[in-house]
Amino acid sequence: MKKRIIRFYKNHIEERDDDIIEESWITINIKDNQVFRGIVLDEAIEYFVTGFLISEGFIKSKDDIETLSVKNHIANVILKRETSPKNREDKYLSQVENNLKI
């Protein structure tokens, strides 16, 4: 997004339009359960949500998402299949234990 900025230099001031990256707080809900709250780029919310769900083990691919809607910086997701939070926690703890082994 272009915005008007003012740059201050030692001997002069420059005013011009420049590209500014905008970030916003977002909440990700799966079936009305909050699973994430953080800051993301405004232009990439859907990509972030999909990547987050894959990396956290909620889904294996974007095809596992039945619906994804974003309104007022809240992403509501309905999955085609349920995932067990217990299974994700066990998988995560197992990875941590393996990384801590000497």
PDB file of N, CA and C in Angstrom:
ATOM      1  N   MET A   1       0.832  -1.166   0.000  1.00  0.00           N
ATOM      2  CA  MET A   1       0.000   0.000   0.000  1.00  0.00           C
ATOM      3  C   MET A   1       0.889   1.246   0.000  1.00  0.00           C
ATOM      4  N   LYS A   2       0.545   2.171  -0.839  1.00  0.00           N
ATOM      5  CA  LYS A   2       1.297   3.423  -0.902  1.00  0.00           C
ATOM      6  C   LYS A   2       0.773   4.400   0.148  1.00  0.00           C
ATOM      7  N   LYS A   3       1.706   5.014   0.863  1.00  0.00           N
ATOM      8  CA  LYS A   3       1.353   6.057   1.838  1.00  0.00           C
ATOM      9  C   LYS A   3       2.356   7.188   1.722  1.00  0.00           C
ATOM     10  N   ARG A   4       1.904   8.347   2.097  1.00  0.00           N
ATOM     11  CA  ARG A   4       2.762   9.536   2.083  1.00  0.00           C
ATOM     12  C   ARG A   4       3.679   9.484   3.303  1.00  0.00           C
ATOM     13  N   ILE A   5       4.982   9.580   3.084  1.00  0.00           N
ATOM     14  CA  ILE A   5       5.942   9.571   4.186  1.00  0.00           C
ATOM     15  C   ILE A   5       6.855  10.795   4.098  1.00  0.00           C
ATOM     16  N   ILE A   6       7.476  11.098   5.206  1.00  0.00           N
ATOM     17  CA  ILE A   6       8.459  12.185   5.265  1.00  0.00           C
ATOM     18  C   ILE A   6       9.770  11.571   5.760  1.00  0.00           C
ATOM     19  N   ARG A   7      10.823  11.775   4.989  1.00  0.00           N
ATOM     20  CA  ARG A   7      12.150  11.298   5.383  1.00  0.00           C
ATOM     21  C   ARG A   7      12.998  12.493   5.791  1.00  0.00           C
ATOM     22  N   PHE A   8      13.662  12.345   6.922  1.00  0.00           N
ATOM     23  CA  PHE A   8      14.518  13.408   7.431  1.00  0.00           C
ATOM     24  C   PHE A   8      15.970  13.019   7.208  1.00  0.00           C
ATOM     25  N   TYR A   9      16.683  13.864   6.500  1.00  0.00           N
ATOM     26  CA  TYR A   9      18.105  13.672   6.243  1.00  0.00           C
ATOM     27  C   TYR A   9      18.877  14.769   6.973  1.00  0.00           C
ATOM     28  N   LYS A  10      20.175  14.663   6.959  1.00  0.00           N
ATOM     29  CA  LYS A  10      21.010  15.631   7.662  1.00  0.00           C
ATOM     30  C   LYS A  10      20.792  17.059   7.157  1.00  0.00           C
ATOM     31  N   ASN A  11      20.698  17.212   5.830  1.00  0.00           N
ATOM     32  CA  ASN A  11      20.611  18.554   5.254  1.00  0.00           C
ATOM     33  C   ASN A  11      19.274  18.897   4.606  1.00  0.00           C
ATOM     34  N   HIS A  12      18.349  17.926   4.575  1.00  0.00           N
ATOM     35  CA  HIS A  12      17.062  18.223   3.939  1.00  0.00           C
ATOM     36  C   HIS A  12      15.982  17.236   4.389  1.00  0.00           C
ATOM     37  N   ILE A  13      14.771  17.586   4.005  1.00  0.00           N
ATOM     38  CA  ILE A  13      13.608  16.744   4.280  1.00  0.00           C
ATOM     39  C   ILE A  13      13.009  16.362   2.933  1.00  0.00           C
ATOM     40  N   GLU A  14      12.596  15.111   2.818  1.00  0.00           N
ATOM     41  CA  GLU A  14      12.005  14.631   1.569  1.00  0.00           C
ATOM     42  C   GLU A  14      10.620  14.052   1.865  1.00  0.00           C
ATOM     43  N   GLU A  15       9.617  14.477   1.110  1.00  0.00           N
ATOM     44  CA  GLU A  15       8.267  13.941   1.244  1.00  0.00           C
ATOM     45  C   GLU A  15       7.926  13.197  -0.034  1.00  0.00           C
ATOM     46  N   ARG A  16       7.419  11.954   0.115  1.00  0.00           N
ATOM     47  CA  ARG A  16       7.087  11.169  -1.067  1.00  0.00           C
ATOM     48  C   ARG A  16       6.158  10.025  -0.699  1.00  0.00           C
ATOM     49  N   ASP A  17       5.589   9.385  -1.719  1.00  0.00           N
ATOM     50  CA  ASP A  17       4.786   8.186  -1.520  1.00  0.00           C
ATOM     51  C   ASP A  17       5.717   6.984  -1.511  1.00  0.00           C
ATOM     52  N   ASP A  18       5.469   6.060  -0.589  1.00  0.00           N
ATOM     53  CA  ASP A  18       6.318   4.876  -0.480  1.00  0.00           C
ATOM     54  C   ASP A  18       5.447   3.674  -0.108  1.00  0.00           C
ATOM     55  N   ASP A  19       5.942   2.487  -0.452  1.00  0.00           N
ATOM     56  CA  ASP A  19       5.224   1.262  -0.102  1.00  0.00           C
ATOM     57  C   ASP A  19       5.366   1.001   1.392  1.00  0.00           C
ATOM     58  N   ILE A  20       4.250   0.751   2.039  1.00  0.00           N
ATOM     59  CA  ILE A  20       4.228   0.466   3.469  1.00  0.00           C
ATOM     60  C   ILE A  20       3.537  -0.886   3.662  1.00  0.00           C
ATOM     61  N   ILE A  21       4.168  -1.768   4.413  1.00  0.00           N
ATOM     62  CA  ILE A  21       3.571  -3.062   4.727  1.00  0.00           C
ATOM     63  C   ILE A  21       2.640  -2.877   5.915  1.00  0.00           C
ATOM     64  N   GLU A  22       1.424  -3.395   5.775  1.00  0.00           N
ATOM     65  CA  GLU A  22       0.460  -3.276   6.862  1.00  0.00           C
ATOM     66  C   GLU A  22       0.207  -4.645   7.478  1.00  0.00           C
ATOM     67  N   GLU A  23       0.231  -4.690   8.798  1.00  0.00           N
ATOM     68  CA  GLU A  23      -0.026  -5.905   9.550  1.00  0.00           C
ATOM     69  C   GLU A  23      -1.210  -5.665  10.480  1.00  0.00           C
ATOM     70  N   SER A  24      -1.903  -6.741  10.801  1.00  0.00           N
ATOM     71  CA  SER A  24      -3.045  -6.642  11.700  1.00  0.00           C
ATOM     72  C   SER A  24      -3.101  -7.874  12.593  1.00  0.00           C
ATOM     73  N   TRP A  25      -3.756  -7.696  13.735  1.00  0.00           N
ATOM     74  CA  TRP A  25      -4.042  -8.835  14.601  1.00  0.00           C
ATOM     75  C   TRP A  25      -5.080  -9.700  13.917  1.00  0.00           C
ATOM     76  N   ILE A  26      -4.917 -11.013  14.037  1.00  0.00           N
ATOM     77  CA  ILE A  26      -5.906 -11.944  13.500  1.00  0.00           C
ATOM     78  C   ILE A  26      -6.154 -13.039  14.527  1.00  0.00           C
ATOM     79  N   THR A  27      -7.386 -13.511  14.540  1.00  0.00           N
ATOM     80  CA  THR A  27      -7.771 -14.657  15.354  1.00  0.00           C
ATOM     81  C   THR A  27      -8.210 -15.757  14.405  1.00  0.00           C
ATOM     82  N   ILE A  28      -7.732 -16.983  14.650  1.00  0.00           N
ATOM     83  CA  ILE A  28      -8.172 -18.133  13.863  1.00  0.00           C
ATOM     84  C   ILE A  28      -9.037 -19.000  14.768  1.00  0.00           C
ATOM     85  N   ASN A  29     -10.253 -19.247  14.312  1.00  0.00           N
ATOM     86  CA  ASN A  29     -11.190 -20.115  15.032  1.00  0.00           C
ATOM     87  C   ASN A  29     -11.507 -21.328  14.180  1.00  0.00           C
ATOM     88  N   ILE A  30     -11.498 -22.497  14.820  1.00  0.00           N
ATOM     89  CA  ILE A  30     -12.000 -23.708  14.183  1.00  0.00           C
ATOM     90  C   ILE A  30     -13.267 -24.081  14.942  1.00  0.00           C
ATOM     91  N   LYS A  31     -14.384 -24.051  14.245  1.00  0.00           N
ATOM     92  CA  LYS A  31     -15.683 -24.315  14.875  1.00  0.00           C
ATOM     93  C   LYS A  31     -15.843 -23.502  16.152  1.00  0.00           C
ATOM     94  N   ASP A  32     -15.592 -22.228  16.076  1.00  0.00           N
ATOM     95  CA  ASP A  32     -15.756 -21.281  17.192  1.00  0.00           C
ATOM     96  C   ASP A  32     -14.775 -21.498  18.347  1.00  0.00           C
ATOM     97  N   ASN A  33     -13.746 -22.316  18.162  1.00  0.00           N
ATOM     98  CA  ASN A  33     -12.699 -22.489  19.170  1.00  0.00           C
ATOM     99  C   ASN A  33     -11.438 -21.774  18.697  1.00  0.00           C
ATOM    100  N   GLN A  34     -10.967 -20.823  19.484  1.00  0.00           N
ATOM    101  CA  GLN A  34      -9.776 -20.074  19.094  1.00  0.00           C
ATOM    102  C   GLN A  34      -8.544 -20.968  19.163  1.00  0.00           C
ATOM    103  N   VAL A  35      -7.790 -21.011  18.044  1.00  0.00           N
ATOM    104  CA  VAL A  35      -6.567 -21.808  18.000  1.00  0.00           C
ATOM    105  C   VAL A  35      -5.324 -20.945  17.777  1.00  0.00           C
ATOM    106  N   PHE A  36      -5.531 -19.659  17.443  1.00  0.00           N
ATOM    107  CA  PHE A  36      -4.384 -18.780  17.209  1.00  0.00           C
ATOM    108  C   PHE A  36      -4.822 -17.332  17.324  1.00  0.00           C
ATOM    109  N   ARG A  37      -3.914 -16.512  17.857  1.00  0.00           N
ATOM    110  CA  ARG A  37      -4.080 -15.048  17.850  1.00  0.00           C
ATOM    111  C   ARG A  37      -2.696 -14.469  17.645  1.00  0.00           C
ATOM    112  N   GLY A  38      -2.532 -13.667  16.597  1.00  0.00           N
ATOM    113  CA  GLY A  38      -1.231 -13.080  16.311  1.00  0.00           C
ATOM    114  C   GLY A  38      -1.320 -12.026  15.223  1.00  0.00           C
ATOM    115  N   ILE A  39      -0.167 -11.557  14.799  1.00  0.00           N
ATOM    116  CA  ILE A  39      -0.087 -10.497  13.794  1.00  0.00           C
ATOM    117  C   ILE A  39       0.357 -11.094  12.461  1.00  0.00           C
ATOM    118  N   VAL A  40      -0.369 -10.721  11.391  1.00  0.00           N
ATOM    119  CA  VAL A  40      -0.033 -11.196  10.049  1.00  0.00           C
ATOM    120  C   VAL A  40      -0.174 -10.052   9.054  1.00  0.00           C
ATOM    121  N   LEU A  41       0.376 -10.249   7.856  1.00  0.00           N
ATOM    122  CA  LEU A  41       0.218  -9.279   6.778  1.00  0.00           C
ATOM    123  C   LEU A  41      -1.229  -9.274   6.305  1.00  0.00           C
ATOM    124  N   ASP A  42      -1.773  -8.096   6.090  1.00  0.00           N
ATOM    125  CA  ASP A  42      -3.167  -7.981   5.667  1.00  0.00           C
ATOM    126  C   ASP A  42      -3.444  -8.688   4.339  1.00  0.00           C
ATOM    127  N   GLU A  43      -2.503  -8.634   3.412  1.00  0.00           N
ATOM    128  CA  GLU A  43      -2.731  -9.214   2.086  1.00  0.00           C
ATOM    129  C   GLU A  43      -2.643 -10.724   2.072  1.00  0.00           C
ATOM    130  N   ALA A  44      -2.149 -11.344   3.124  1.00  0.00           N
ATOM    131  CA  ALA A  44      -1.855 -12.775   3.082  1.00  0.00           C
ATOM    132  C   ALA A  44      -2.599 -13.574   4.144  1.00  0.00           C
ATOM    133  N   ILE A  45      -3.737 -13.102   4.600  1.00  0.00           N
ATOM    134  CA  ILE A  45      -4.418 -13.767   5.709  1.00  0.00           C
ATOM    135  C   ILE A  45      -4.829 -15.195   5.352  1.00  0.00           C
ATOM    136  N   GLU A  46      -5.471 -15.409   4.206  1.00  0.00           N
ATOM    137  CA  GLU A  46      -5.915 -16.757   3.842  1.00  0.00           C
ATOM    138  C   GLU A  46      -4.732 -17.716   3.698  1.00  0.00           C
ATOM    139  N   TYR A  47      -3.630 -17.243   3.101  1.00  0.00           N
ATOM    140  CA  TYR A  47      -2.442 -18.081   2.962  1.00  0.00           C
ATOM    141  C   TYR A  47      -1.864 -18.424   4.332  1.00  0.00           C
ATOM    142  N   PHE A  48      -1.830 -17.447   5.221  1.00  0.00           N
ATOM    143  CA  PHE A  48      -1.300 -17.690   6.559  1.00  0.00           C
ATOM    144  C   PHE A  48      -2.148 -18.721   7.295  1.00  0.00           C
ATOM    145  N   VAL A  49      -3.463 -18.561   7.240  1.00  0.00           N
ATOM    146  CA  VAL A  49      -4.358 -19.479   7.951  1.00  0.00           C
ATOM    147  C   VAL A  49      -4.145 -20.903   7.454  1.00  0.00           C
ATOM    148  N   THR A  50      -4.101 -21.092   6.151  1.00  0.00           N
ATOM    149  CA  THR A  50      -3.901 -22.423   5.584  1.00  0.00           C
ATOM    150  C   THR A  50      -2.554 -22.997   6.014  1.00  0.00           C
ATOM    151  N   GLY A  51      -1.498 -22.218   5.916  1.00  0.00           N
ATOM    152  CA  GLY A  51      -0.177 -22.680   6.328  1.00  0.00           C
ATOM    153  C   GLY A  51      -0.111 -23.003   7.802  1.00  0.00           C
ATOM    154  N   PHE A  52      -0.745 -22.186   8.631  1.00  0.00           N
ATOM    155  CA  PHE A  52      -0.781 -22.433  10.069  1.00  0.00           C
ATOM    156  C   PHE A  52      -1.477 -23.756  10.364  1.00  0.00           C
ATOM    157  N   LEU A  53      -2.627 -23.977   9.743  1.00  0.00           N
ATOM    158  CA  LEU A  53      -3.370 -25.214   9.987  1.00  0.00           C
ATOM    159  C   LEU A  53      -2.583 -26.441   9.569  1.00  0.00           C
ATOM    160  N   ILE A  54      -1.842 -26.337   8.472  1.00  0.00           N
ATOM    161  CA  ILE A  54      -1.004 -27.462   8.029  1.00  0.00           C
ATOM    162  C   ILE A  54       0.152 -27.676   8.995  1.00  0.00           C
ATOM    163  N   SER A  55       0.864 -26.603   9.338  1.00  0.00           N
ATOM    164  CA  SER A  55       2.058 -26.749  10.179  1.00  0.00           C
ATOM    165  C   SER A  55       1.730 -27.203  11.598  1.00  0.00           C
ATOM    166  N   GLU A  56       0.530 -26.892  12.077  1.00  0.00           N
ATOM    167  CA  GLU A  56       0.135 -27.298  13.431  1.00  0.00           C
ATOM    168  C   GLU A  56      -0.582 -28.644  13.455  1.00  0.00           C
ATOM    169  N   GLY A  57      -0.732 -29.269  12.295  1.00  0.00           N
ATOM    170  CA  GLY A  57      -1.306 -30.607  12.246  1.00  0.00           C
ATOM    171  C   GLY A  57      -2.820 -30.670  12.239  1.00  0.00           C
ATOM    172  N   PHE A  58      -3.486 -29.545  12.059  1.00  0.00           N
ATOM    173  CA  PHE A  58      -4.942 -29.567  11.979  1.00  0.00           C
ATOM    174  C   PHE A  58      -5.404 -30.193  10.674  1.00  0.00           C
ATOM    175  N   ILE A  59      -4.636 -29.959   9.599  1.00  0.00           N
ATOM    176  CA  ILE A  59      -4.971 -30.486   8.276  1.00  0.00           C
ATOM    177  C   ILE A  59      -3.703 -30.985   7.603  1.00  0.00           C
ATOM    178  N   LYS A  60      -3.892 -31.796   6.555  1.00  0.00           N
ATOM    179  CA  LYS A  60      -2.747 -32.271   5.768  1.00  0.00           C
ATOM    180  C   LYS A  60      -2.568 -31.452   4.490  1.00  0.00           C
ATOM    181  N   SER A  61      -3.670 -30.895   3.988  1.00  0.00           N
ATOM    182  CA  SER A  61      -3.609 -30.040   2.791  1.00  0.00           C
ATOM    183  C   SER A  61      -4.784 -29.071   2.812  1.00  0.00           C
ATOM    184  N   LYS A  62      -4.750 -28.099   1.916  1.00  0.00           N
ATOM    185  CA  LYS A  62      -5.835 -27.115   1.861  1.00  0.00           C
ATOM    186  C   LYS A  62      -7.158 -27.761   1.488  1.00  0.00           C
ATOM    187  N   ASP A  63      -7.104 -28.948   0.884  1.00  0.00           N
ATOM    188  CA  ASP A  63      -8.326 -29.661   0.520  1.00  0.00           C
ATOM    189  C   ASP A  63      -9.104 -30.144   1.742  1.00  0.00           C
ATOM    190  N   ASP A  64      -8.468 -30.155   2.924  1.00  0.00           N
ATOM    191  CA  ASP A  64      -9.136 -30.569   4.161  1.00  0.00           C
ATOM    192  C   ASP A  64     -10.007 -29.458   4.751  1.00  0.00           C
ATOM    193  N   ILE A  65      -9.956 -28.267   4.159  1.00  0.00           N
ATOM    194  CA  ILE A  65     -10.765 -27.144   4.635  1.00  0.00           C
ATOM    195  C   ILE A  65     -12.093 -27.129   3.882  1.00  0.00           C
ATOM    196  N   GLU A  66     -13.185 -27.194   4.648  1.00  0.00           N
ATOM    197  CA  GLU A  66     -14.503 -27.096   4.018  1.00  0.00           C
ATOM    198  C   GLU A  66     -14.829 -25.641   3.718  1.00  0.00           C
ATOM    199  N   THR A  67     -14.694 -24.756   4.725  1.00  0.00           N
ATOM    200  CA  THR A  67     -14.897 -23.329   4.501  1.00  0.00           C
ATOM    201  C   THR A  67     -13.865 -22.534   5.291  1.00  0.00           C
ATOM    202  N   LEU A  68     -13.483 -21.403   4.713  1.00  0.00           N
ATOM    203  CA  LEU A  68     -12.570 -20.451   5.356  1.00  0.00           C
ATOM    204  C   LEU A  68     -13.089 -19.065   5.029  1.00  0.00           C
ATOM    205  N   SER A  69     -13.542 -18.352   6.060  1.00  0.00           N
ATOM    206  CA  SER A  69     -14.022 -16.992   5.846  1.00  0.00           C
ATOM    207  C   SER A  69     -13.295 -16.056   6.796  1.00  0.00           C
ATOM    208  N   VAL A  70     -12.976 -14.871   6.291  1.00  0.00           N
ATOM    209  CA  VAL A  70     -12.285 -13.866   7.095  1.00  0.00           C
ATOM    210  C   VAL A  70     -13.132 -12.605   7.103  1.00  0.00           C
ATOM    211  N   LYS A  71     -13.480 -12.144   8.314  1.00  0.00           N
ATOM    212  CA  LYS A  71     -14.254 -10.914   8.461  1.00  0.00           C
ATOM    213  C   LYS A  71     -13.800 -10.230   9.742  1.00  0.00           C
ATOM    214  N   ASN A  72     -13.497  -8.939   9.638  1.00  0.00           N
ATOM    215  CA  ASN A  72     -13.052  -8.154  10.790  1.00  0.00           C
ATOM    216  C   ASN A  72     -11.863  -8.797  11.505  1.00  0.00           C
ATOM    217  N   HIS A  73     -10.932  -9.317  10.724  1.00  0.00           N
ATOM    218  CA  HIS A  73      -9.697  -9.925  11.227  1.00  0.00           C
ATOM    219  C   HIS A  73      -9.937 -11.163  12.077  1.00  0.00           C
ATOM    220  N   ILE A  74     -11.038 -11.849  11.806  1.00  0.00           N
ATOM    221  CA  ILE A  74     -11.312 -13.141  12.443  1.00  0.00           C
ATOM    222  C   ILE A  74     -11.499 -14.155  11.320  1.00  0.00           C
ATOM    223  N   ALA A  75     -10.660 -15.202  11.357  1.00  0.00           N
ATOM    224  CA  ALA A  75     -10.758 -16.267  10.363  1.00  0.00           C
ATOM    225  C   ALA A  75     -11.541 -17.421  10.982  1.00  0.00           C
ATOM    226  N   ASN A  76     -12.676 -17.734  10.393  1.00  0.00           N
ATOM    227  CA  ASN A  76     -13.485 -18.861  10.843  1.00  0.00           C
ATOM    228  C   ASN A  76     -13.309 -20.008   9.874  1.00  0.00           C
ATOM    229  N   VAL A  77     -12.940 -21.158  10.433  1.00  0.00           N
ATOM    230  CA  VAL A  77     -12.617 -22.322   9.611  1.00  0.00           C
ATOM    231  C   VAL A  77     -13.518 -23.490  10.016  1.00  0.00           C
ATOM    232  N   ILE A  78     -14.023 -24.182   9.025  1.00  0.00           N
ATOM    233  CA  ILE A  78     -14.702 -25.457   9.246  1.00  0.00           C
ATOM    234  C   ILE A  78     -13.940 -26.488   8.435  1.00  0.00           C
ATOM    235  N   LEU A  79     -13.535 -27.552   9.114  1.00  0.00           N
ATOM    236  CA  LEU A  79     -12.752 -28.606   8.471  1.00  0.00           C
ATOM    237  C   LEU A  79     -13.667 -29.713   7.969  1.00  0.00           C
ATOM    238  N   LYS A  80     -13.215 -30.406   6.936  1.00  0.00           N
ATOM    239  CA  LYS A  80     -13.988 -31.532   6.405  1.00  0.00           C
ATOM    240  C   LYS A  80     -13.954 -32.722   7.355  1.00  0.00           C
ATOM    241  N   ARG A  81     -12.903 -32.817   8.153  1.00  0.00           N
ATOM    242  CA  ARG A  81     -12.787 -33.903   9.132  1.00  0.00           C
ATOM    243  C   ARG A  81     -12.292 -33.322  10.443  1.00  0.00           C
ATOM    244  N   GLU A  82     -12.607 -33.990  11.508  1.00  0.00           N
ATOM    245  CA  GLU A  82     -12.160 -33.539  12.827  1.00  0.00           C
ATOM    246  C   GLU A  82     -10.744 -34.027  13.095  1.00  0.00           C
ATOM    247  N   THR A  83      -9.973 -33.236  13.823  1.00  0.00           N
ATOM    248  CA  THR A  83      -8.662 -33.662  14.292  1.00  0.00           C
ATOM    249  C   THR A  83      -8.682 -33.630  15.807  1.00  0.00           C
ATOM    250  N   SER A  84      -8.007 -34.544  16.392  1.00  0.00           N
ATOM    251  CA  SER A  84      -7.999 -34.643  17.849  1.00  0.00           C
ATOM    252  C   SER A  84      -6.891 -33.784  18.433  1.00  0.00           C
ATOM    253  N   PRO A  85      -7.229 -32.829  19.306  1.00  0.00           N
ATOM    254  CA  PRO A  85      -6.185 -32.030  19.951  1.00  0.00           C
ATOM    255  C   PRO A  85      -5.208 -32.909  20.728  1.00  0.00           C
ATOM    256  N   LYS A  86      -5.708 -33.993  21.302  1.00  0.00           N
ATOM    257  CA  LYS A  86      -4.846 -34.908  22.070  1.00  0.00           C
ATOM    258  C   LYS A  86      -3.762 -35.495  21.165  1.00  0.00           C
ATOM    259  N   ASN A  87      -4.138 -35.893  19.954  1.00  0.00           N
ATOM    260  CA  ASN A  87      -3.156 -36.452  19.024  1.00  0.00           C
ATOM    261  C   ASN A  87      -2.091 -35.421  18.658  1.00  0.00           C
ATOM    262  N   ARG A  88      -2.504 -34.162  18.451  1.00  0.00           N
ATOM    263  CA  ARG A  88      -1.531 -33.119  18.118  1.00  0.00           C
ATOM    264  C   ARG A  88      -0.596 -32.880  19.296  1.00  0.00           C
ATOM    265  N   GLU A  89      -1.144 -32.867  20.523  1.00  0.00           N
ATOM    266  CA  GLU A  89      -0.304 -32.650  21.704  1.00  0.00           C
ATOM    267  C   GLU A  89       0.679 -33.791  21.878  1.00  0.00           C
ATOM    268  N   ASP A  90       0.214 -35.028  21.718  1.00  0.00           N
ATOM    269  CA  ASP A  90       1.103 -36.181  21.852  1.00  0.00           C
ATOM    270  C   ASP A  90       2.217 -36.140  20.811  1.00  0.00           C
ATOM    271  N   LYS A  91       1.870 -35.783  19.574  1.00  0.00           N
ATOM    272  CA  LYS A  91       2.868 -35.690  18.508  1.00  0.00           C
ATOM    273  C   LYS A  91       3.899 -34.614  18.846  1.00  0.00           C
ATOM    274  N   TYR A  92       3.435 -33.465  19.317  1.00  0.00           N
ATOM    275  CA  TYR A  92       4.338 -32.372  19.661  1.00  0.00           C
ATOM    276  C   TYR A  92       5.253 -32.769  20.816  1.00  0.00           C
ATOM    277  N   LEU A  93       4.690 -33.348  21.876  1.00  0.00           N
ATOM    278  CA  LEU A  93       5.499 -33.748  23.030  1.00  0.00           C
ATOM    279  C   LEU A  93       6.528 -34.804  22.636  1.00  0.00           C
ATOM    280  N   SER A  94       6.141 -35.716  21.760  1.00  0.00           N
ATOM    281  CA  SER A  94       7.071 -36.735  21.285  1.00  0.00           C
ATOM    282  C   SER A  94       8.239 -36.092  20.539  1.00  0.00           C
ATOM    283  N   GLN A  95       7.960 -35.090  19.711  1.00  0.00           N
ATOM    284  CA  GLN A  95       9.019 -34.392  18.985  1.00  0.00           C
ATOM    285  C   GLN A  95       9.947 -33.665  19.954  1.00  0.00           C
ATOM    286  N   VAL A  96       9.385 -33.021  20.974  1.00  0.00           N
ATOM    287  CA  VAL A  96      10.196 -32.307  21.954  1.00  0.00           C
ATOM    288  C   VAL A  96      11.082 -33.286  22.710  1.00  0.00           C
ATOM    289  N   GLU A  97      10.517 -34.411  23.139  1.00  0.00           N
ATOM    290  CA  GLU A  97      11.298 -35.413  23.865  1.00  0.00           C
ATOM    291  C   GLU A  97      12.448 -35.947  23.004  1.00  0.00           C
ATOM    292  N   ASN A  98      12.179 -36.197  21.732  1.00  0.00           N
ATOM    293  CA  ASN A  98      13.227 -36.685  20.828  1.00  0.00           C
ATOM    294  C   ASN A  98      14.318 -35.650  20.648  1.00  0.00           C
ATOM    295  N   ASN A  99      13.970 -34.372  20.582  1.00  0.00           N
ATOM    296  CA  ASN A  99      14.964 -33.321  20.407  1.00  0.00           C
ATOM    297  C   ASN A  99      15.811 -33.117  21.658  1.00  0.00           C
ATOM    298  N   LEU A 100      15.273 -33.463  22.820  1.00  0.00           N
ATOM    299  CA  LEU A 100      15.999 -33.254  24.083  1.00  0.00           C
ATOM    300  C   LEU A 100      16.908 -34.426  24.439  1.00  0.00           C
ATOM    301  N   LYS A 101      16.753 -35.550  23.753  1.00  0.00           N
ATOM    302  CA  LYS A 101      17.600 -36.716  24.049  1.00  0.00           C
ATOM    303  C   LYS A 101      19.053 -36.423  23.725  1.00  0.00           C
ATOM    304  N   ILE A 102      19.924 -36.830  24.635  1.00  0.00           N
ATOM    305  CA  ILE A 102      21.362 -36.568  24.444  1.00  0.00           C
ATOM    306  C   ILE A 102      22.030 -37.811  23.896  1.00  0.00           C
TER     307      ILE A 102
END
